[in-house]
Amino acid sequence: MAVPKNKTSKQRKAMRRSAVWRLDTPNLSACPKCGELRRPHTVCRACGFYNGRDVLQLEAASKKKK
């Protein structure tokens, strides 16, 4: 059975573990219709645009049409 030759210090152990839990920032891209930043492959929350068409009917957009 493998046994460590030397003790691993708390600092060395923490340094090794710190990189595992680091989160990456989400990628953002501009909406082609309104220019709002959004996550790729998702519907734009500002205008409801996705994949070249309007997918969601938002209240702000419907009020302007009336």
PDB file of N, CA and C in Angstrom:
ATOM      1  N   MET A   1       0.843  -1.181   0.000  1.00  0.00           N
ATOM      2  CA  MET A   1       0.000   0.000   0.000  1.00  0.00           C
ATOM      3  C   MET A   1       0.885   1.240   0.000  1.00  0.00           C
ATOM      4  N   ALA A   2       0.537   2.221  -0.819  1.00  0.00           N
ATOM      5  CA  ALA A   2       1.336   3.438  -0.927  1.00  0.00           C
ATOM      6  C   ALA A   2       1.107   4.317   0.292  1.00  0.00           C
ATOM      7  N   VAL A   3       2.192   4.804   0.839  1.00  0.00           N
ATOM      8  CA  VAL A   3       2.139   5.679   2.005  1.00  0.00           C
ATOM      9  C   VAL A   3       2.947   6.934   1.685  1.00  0.00           C
ATOM     10  N   PRO A   4       2.420   8.136   1.992  1.00  0.00           N
ATOM     11  CA  PRO A   4       3.172   9.356   1.717  1.00  0.00           C
ATOM     12  C   PRO A   4       4.454   9.407   2.539  1.00  0.00           C
ATOM     13  N   LYS A   5       5.543   9.835   1.903  1.00  0.00           N
ATOM     14  CA  LYS A   5       6.826   9.915   2.599  1.00  0.00           C
ATOM     15  C   LYS A   5       6.866  11.117   3.524  1.00  0.00           C
ATOM     16  N   ASN A   6       6.289  12.234   3.074  1.00  0.00           N
ATOM     17  CA  ASN A   6       6.266  13.461   3.883  1.00  0.00           C
ATOM     18  C   ASN A   6       4.836  13.961   4.025  1.00  0.00           C
ATOM     19  N   LYS A   7       4.622  14.736   5.077  1.00  0.00           N
ATOM     20  CA  LYS A   7       3.312  15.313   5.321  1.00  0.00           C
ATOM     21  C   LYS A   7       3.051  16.429   4.307  1.00  0.00           C
ATOM     22  N   THR A   8       1.825  16.485   3.785  1.00  0.00           N
ATOM     23  CA  THR A   8       1.417  17.581   2.917  1.00  0.00           C
ATOM     24  C   THR A   8       0.876  18.698   3.788  1.00  0.00           C
ATOM     25  N   SER A   9       1.459  19.884   3.660  1.00  0.00           N
ATOM     26  CA  SER A   9       1.054  21.010   4.494  1.00  0.00           C
ATOM     27  C   SER A   9      -0.344  21.497   4.110  1.00  0.00           C
ATOM     28  N   LYS A  10      -0.965  22.244   5.006  1.00  0.00           N
ATOM     29  CA  LYS A  10      -2.296  22.789   4.757  1.00  0.00           C
ATOM     30  C   LYS A  10      -2.263  23.756   3.577  1.00  0.00           C
ATOM     31  N   GLN A  11      -1.191  24.541   3.477  1.00  0.00           N
ATOM     32  CA  GLN A  11      -1.067  25.508   2.396  1.00  0.00           C
ATOM     33  C   GLN A  11      -0.943  24.801   1.041  1.00  0.00           C
ATOM     34  N   ARG A  12      -0.111  23.780   0.962  1.00  0.00           N
ATOM     35  CA  ARG A  12       0.069  23.056  -0.299  1.00  0.00           C
ATOM     36  C   ARG A  12      -1.230  22.347  -0.707  1.00  0.00           C
ATOM     37  N   LYS A  13      -1.930  21.785   0.271  1.00  0.00           N
ATOM     38  CA  LYS A  13      -3.189  21.103   0.000  1.00  0.00           C
ATOM     39  C   LYS A  13      -4.236  22.103  -0.507  1.00  0.00           C
ATOM     40  N   ALA A  14      -4.304  23.280   0.118  1.00  0.00           N
ATOM     41  CA  ALA A  14      -5.264  24.306  -0.283  1.00  0.00           C
ATOM     42  C   ALA A  14      -4.944  24.847  -1.675  1.00  0.00           C
ATOM     43  N   MET A  15      -3.661  25.019  -1.989  1.00  0.00           N
ATOM     44  CA  MET A  15      -3.262  25.517  -3.310  1.00  0.00           C
ATOM     45  C   MET A  15      -3.668  24.516  -4.392  1.00  0.00           C
ATOM     46  N   ARG A  16      -3.517  23.243  -4.127  1.00  0.00           N
ATOM     47  CA  ARG A  16      -3.871  22.213  -5.089  1.00  0.00           C
ATOM     48  C   ARG A  16      -5.380  22.184  -5.310  1.00  0.00           C
ATOM     49  N   ARG A  17      -6.152  22.320  -4.256  1.00  0.00           N
ATOM     50  CA  ARG A  17      -7.607  22.230  -4.353  1.00  0.00           C
ATOM     51  C   ARG A  17      -8.250  23.504  -4.888  1.00  0.00           C
ATOM     52  N   SER A  18      -7.569  24.628  -4.793  1.00  0.00           N
ATOM     53  CA  SER A  18      -8.185  25.902  -5.166  1.00  0.00           C
ATOM     54  C   SER A  18      -8.519  25.970  -6.647  1.00  0.00           C
ATOM     55  N   ALA A  19      -7.708  25.378  -7.513  1.00  0.00           N
ATOM     56  CA  ALA A  19      -7.936  25.466  -8.954  1.00  0.00           C
ATOM     57  C   ALA A  19      -9.107  24.601  -9.397  1.00  0.00           C
ATOM     58  N   VAL A  20      -9.481  23.605  -8.645  1.00  0.00           N
ATOM     59  CA  VAL A  20     -10.544  22.700  -9.039  1.00  0.00           C
ATOM     60  C   VAL A  20     -11.904  23.386  -8.951  1.00  0.00           C
ATOM     61  N   TRP A  21     -12.097  24.224  -7.959  1.00  0.00           N
ATOM     62  CA  TRP A  21     -13.407  24.810  -7.694  1.00  0.00           C
ATOM     63  C   TRP A  21     -13.606  26.155  -8.388  1.00  0.00           C
ATOM     64  N   ARG A  22     -12.633  26.650  -9.116  1.00  0.00           N
ATOM     65  CA  ARG A  22     -12.733  27.946  -9.762  1.00  0.00           C
ATOM     66  C   ARG A  22     -13.737  27.864 -10.908  1.00  0.00           C
ATOM     67  N   LEU A  23     -14.668  28.793 -10.959  1.00  0.00           N
ATOM     68  CA  LEU A  23     -15.686  28.802 -11.997  1.00  0.00           C
ATOM     69  C   LEU A  23     -15.265  29.709 -13.143  1.00  0.00           C
ATOM     70  N   ASP A  24     -15.625  29.337 -14.347  1.00  0.00           N
ATOM     71  CA  ASP A  24     -15.369  30.162 -15.511  1.00  0.00           C
ATOM     72  C   ASP A  24     -16.540  31.124 -15.707  1.00  0.00           C
ATOM     73  N   THR A  25     -16.250  32.292 -16.248  1.00  0.00           N
ATOM     74  CA  THR A  25     -17.319  33.236 -16.538  1.00  0.00           C
ATOM     75  C   THR A  25     -18.064  32.761 -17.781  1.00  0.00           C
ATOM     76  N   PRO A  26     -19.371  32.949 -17.831  1.00  0.00           N
ATOM     77  CA  PRO A  26     -20.110  32.492 -19.003  1.00  0.00           C
ATOM     78  C   PRO A  26     -19.767  33.331 -20.228  1.00  0.00           C
ATOM     79  N   ASN A  27     -19.763  32.694 -21.385  1.00  0.00           N
ATOM     80  CA  ASN A  27     -19.519  33.412 -22.625  1.00  0.00           C
ATOM     81  C   ASN A  27     -20.763  34.217 -22.976  1.00  0.00           C
ATOM     82  N   LEU A  28     -20.552  35.441 -23.429  1.00  0.00           N
ATOM     83  CA  LEU A  28     -21.657  36.296 -23.825  1.00  0.00           C
ATOM     84  C   LEU A  28     -21.455  36.738 -25.266  1.00  0.00           C
ATOM     85  N   SER A  29     -22.556  36.837 -25.983  1.00  0.00           N
ATOM     86  CA  SER A  29     -22.497  37.329 -27.350  1.00  0.00           C
ATOM     87  C   SER A  29     -23.600  38.363 -27.523  1.00  0.00           C
ATOM     88  N   ALA A  30     -23.430  39.243 -28.492  1.00  0.00           N
ATOM     89  CA  ALA A  30     -24.411  40.295 -28.727  1.00  0.00           C
ATOM     90  C   ALA A  30     -25.574  39.745 -29.540  1.00  0.00           C
ATOM     91  N   CYS A  31     -26.769  40.164 -29.186  1.00  0.00           N
ATOM     92  CA  CYS A  31     -27.965  39.785 -29.938  1.00  0.00           C
ATOM     93  C   CYS A  31     -27.912  40.489 -31.294  1.00  0.00           C
ATOM     94  N   PRO A  32     -28.148  39.770 -32.401  1.00  0.00           N
ATOM     95  CA  PRO A  32     -28.067  40.424 -33.712  1.00  0.00           C
ATOM     96  C   PRO A  32     -29.172  41.452 -33.952  1.00  0.00           C
ATOM     97  N   LYS A  33     -30.280  41.354 -33.215  1.00  0.00           N
ATOM     98  CA  LYS A  33     -31.402  42.276 -33.436  1.00  0.00           C
ATOM     99  C   LYS A  33     -31.285  43.540 -32.583  1.00  0.00           C
ATOM    100  N   CYS A  34     -31.060  43.365 -31.262  1.00  0.00           N
ATOM    101  CA  CYS A  34     -31.061  44.537 -30.377  1.00  0.00           C
ATOM    102  C   CYS A  34     -29.677  44.883 -29.831  1.00  0.00           C
ATOM    103  N   GLY A  35     -28.714  43.985 -29.939  1.00  0.00           N
ATOM    104  CA  GLY A  35     -27.366  44.277 -29.460  1.00  0.00           C
ATOM    105  C   GLY A  35     -27.144  43.992 -27.983  1.00  0.00           C
ATOM    106  N   GLU A  36     -28.165  43.522 -27.293  1.00  0.00           N
ATOM    107  CA  GLU A  36     -28.059  43.185 -25.862  1.00  0.00           C
ATOM    108  C   GLU A  36     -27.165  41.954 -25.698  1.00  0.00           C
ATOM    109  N   LEU A  37     -26.366  41.928 -24.623  1.00  0.00           N
ATOM    110  CA  LEU A  37     -25.527  40.764 -24.367  1.00  0.00           C
ATOM    111  C   LEU A  37     -26.391  39.606 -23.873  1.00  0.00           C
ATOM    112  N   ARG A  38     -26.141  38.429 -24.422  1.00  0.00           N
ATOM    113  CA  ARG A  38     -26.906  37.238 -24.039  1.00  0.00           C
ATOM    114  C   ARG A  38     -26.000  36.023 -24.133  1.00  0.00           C
ATOM    115  N   ARG A  39     -26.417  34.921 -23.533  1.00  0.00           N
ATOM    116  CA  ARG A  39     -25.660  33.677 -23.623  1.00  0.00           C
ATOM    117  C   ARG A  39     -25.909  33.054 -24.984  1.00  0.00           C
ATOM    118  N   PRO A  40     -24.898  32.398 -25.556  1.00  0.00           N
ATOM    119  CA  PRO A  40     -25.098  31.807 -26.877  1.00  0.00           C
ATOM    120  C   PRO A  40     -26.132  30.677 -26.865  1.00  0.00           C
ATOM    121  N   HIS A  41     -26.833  30.511 -27.957  1.00  0.00           N
ATOM    122  CA  HIS A  41     -27.838  29.460 -28.148  1.00  0.00           C
ATOM    123  C   HIS A  41     -29.000  29.588 -27.178  1.00  0.00           C
ATOM    124  N   THR A  42     -29.344  30.809 -26.799  1.00  0.00           N
ATOM    125  CA  THR A  42     -30.506  31.048 -25.944  1.00  0.00           C
ATOM    126  C   THR A  42     -31.301  32.221 -26.512  1.00  0.00           C
ATOM    127  N   VAL A  43     -32.552  32.320 -26.109  1.00  0.00           N
ATOM    128  CA  VAL A  43     -33.421  33.405 -26.547  1.00  0.00           C
ATOM    129  C   VAL A  43     -32.985  34.685 -25.841  1.00  0.00           C
ATOM    130  N   CYS A  44     -32.993  35.796 -26.581  1.00  0.00           N
ATOM    131  CA  CYS A  44     -32.645  37.092 -26.007  1.00  0.00           C
ATOM    132  C   CYS A  44     -33.766  37.523 -25.064  1.00  0.00           C
ATOM    133  N   ARG A  45     -33.417  37.909 -23.843  1.00  0.00           N
ATOM    134  CA  ARG A  45     -34.427  38.320 -22.866  1.00  0.00           C
ATOM    135  C   ARG A  45     -34.974  39.704 -23.166  1.00  0.00           C
ATOM    136  N   ALA A  46     -34.219  40.504 -23.877  1.00  0.00           N
ATOM    137  CA  ALA A  46     -34.658  41.868 -24.155  1.00  0.00           C
ATOM    138  C   ALA A  46     -35.699  41.924 -25.270  1.00  0.00           C
ATOM    139  N   CYS A  47     -35.472  41.161 -26.357  1.00  0.00           N
ATOM    140  CA  CYS A  47     -36.376  41.271 -27.506  1.00  0.00           C
ATOM    141  C   CYS A  47     -37.050  39.954 -27.891  1.00  0.00           C
ATOM    142  N   GLY A  48     -36.646  38.821 -27.344  1.00  0.00           N
ATOM    143  CA  GLY A  48     -37.277  37.540 -27.662  1.00  0.00           C
ATOM    144  C   GLY A  48     -36.845  36.959 -28.992  1.00  0.00           C
ATOM    145  N   PHE A  49     -35.696  37.372 -29.508  1.00  0.00           N
ATOM    146  CA  PHE A  49     -35.198  36.956 -30.818  1.00  0.00           C
ATOM    147  C   PHE A  49     -34.304  35.741 -30.663  1.00  0.00           C
ATOM    148  N   TYR A  50     -34.473  34.746 -31.544  1.00  0.00           N
ATOM    149  CA  TYR A  50     -33.599  33.573 -31.544  1.00  0.00           C
ATOM    150  C   TYR A  50     -33.597  32.931 -32.917  1.00  0.00           C
ATOM    151  N   ASN A  51     -32.433  32.611 -33.414  1.00  0.00           N
ATOM    152  CA  ASN A  51     -32.251  31.855 -34.657  1.00  0.00           C
ATOM    153  C   ASN A  51     -32.960  32.512 -35.850  1.00  0.00           C
ATOM    154  N   GLY A  52     -32.862  33.839 -35.928  1.00  0.00           N
ATOM    155  CA  GLY A  52     -33.402  34.555 -37.075  1.00  0.00           C
ATOM    156  C   GLY A  52     -34.887  34.847 -37.038  1.00  0.00           C
ATOM    157  N   ARG A  53     -35.552  34.648 -35.900  1.00  0.00           N
ATOM    158  CA  ARG A  53     -36.982  34.935 -35.816  1.00  0.00           C
ATOM    159  C   ARG A  53     -37.360  35.318 -34.391  1.00  0.00           C
ATOM    160  N   ASP A  54     -38.524  35.932 -34.243  1.00  0.00           N
ATOM    161  CA  ASP A  54     -39.044  36.288 -32.925  1.00  0.00           C
ATOM    162  C   ASP A  54     -39.733  35.067 -32.339  1.00  0.00           C
ATOM    163  N   VAL A  55     -39.212  34.607 -31.200  1.00  0.00           N
ATOM    164  CA  VAL A  55     -39.742  33.407 -30.569  1.00  0.00           C
ATOM    165  C   VAL A  55     -40.720  33.766 -29.457  1.00  0.00           C
ATOM    166  N   LEU A  56     -40.381  34.771 -28.661  1.00  0.00           N
ATOM    167  CA  LEU A  56     -41.211  35.169 -27.527  1.00  0.00           C
ATOM    168  C   LEU A  56     -41.953  36.462 -27.832  1.00  0.00           C
ATOM    169  N   GLN A  57     -43.186  36.530 -27.397  1.00  0.00           N
ATOM    170  CA  GLN A  57     -43.942  37.768 -27.479  1.00  0.00           C
ATOM    171  C   GLN A  57     -43.826  38.445 -26.112  1.00  0.00           C
ATOM    172  N   LEU A  58     -43.000  39.467 -26.010  1.00  0.00           N
ATOM    173  CA  LEU A  58     -42.770  40.154 -24.750  1.00  0.00           C
ATOM    174  C   LEU A  58     -43.808  41.255 -24.564  1.00  0.00           C
ATOM    175  N   GLU A  59     -44.103  41.585 -23.305  1.00  0.00           N
ATOM    176  CA  GLU A  59     -45.122  42.596 -23.001  1.00  0.00           C
ATOM    177  C   GLU A  59     -44.727  43.971 -23.520  1.00  0.00           C
ATOM    178  N   ALA A  60     -43.457  44.313 -23.417  1.00  0.00           N
ATOM    179  CA  ALA A  60     -43.012  45.625 -23.886  1.00  0.00           C
ATOM    180  C   ALA A  60     -43.215  45.757 -25.396  1.00  0.00           C
ATOM    181  N   ALA A  61     -42.959  44.688 -26.113  1.00  0.00           N
ATOM    182  CA  ALA A  61     -43.145  44.711 -27.560  1.00  0.00           C
ATOM    183  C   ALA A  61     -44.632  44.748 -27.926  1.00  0.00           C
ATOM    184  N   SER A  62     -45.452  44.046 -27.158  1.00  0.00           N
ATOM    185  CA  SER A  62     -46.889  44.013 -27.468  1.00  0.00           C
ATOM    186  C   SER A  62     -47.563  45.356 -27.148  1.00  0.00           C
ATOM    187  N   LYS A  63     -47.073  46.098 -26.140  1.00  0.00           N
ATOM    188  CA  LYS A  63     -47.624  47.399 -25.805  1.00  0.00           C
ATOM    189  C   LYS A  63     -47.328  48.421 -26.896  1.00  0.00           C
ATOM    190  N   LYS A  64     -46.142  48.287 -27.512  1.00  0.00           N
ATOM    191  CA  LYS A  64     -45.785  49.201 -28.589  1.00  0.00           C
ATOM    192  C   LYS A  64     -46.658  48.990 -29.814  1.00  0.00           C
ATOM    193  N   LYS A  65     -47.076  47.761 -30.082  1.00  0.00           N
ATOM    194  CA  LYS A  65     -47.880  47.448 -31.258  1.00  0.00           C
ATOM    195  C   LYS A  65     -49.297  47.952 -31.123  1.00  0.00           C
ATOM    196  N   LYS A  66     -49.823  48.035 -29.897  1.00  0.00           N
ATOM    197  CA  LYS A  66     -51.214  48.448 -29.666  1.00  0.00           C
ATOM    198  C   LYS A  66     -51.363  49.901 -29.862  1.00  0.00           C
TER     199      LYS A  66
END
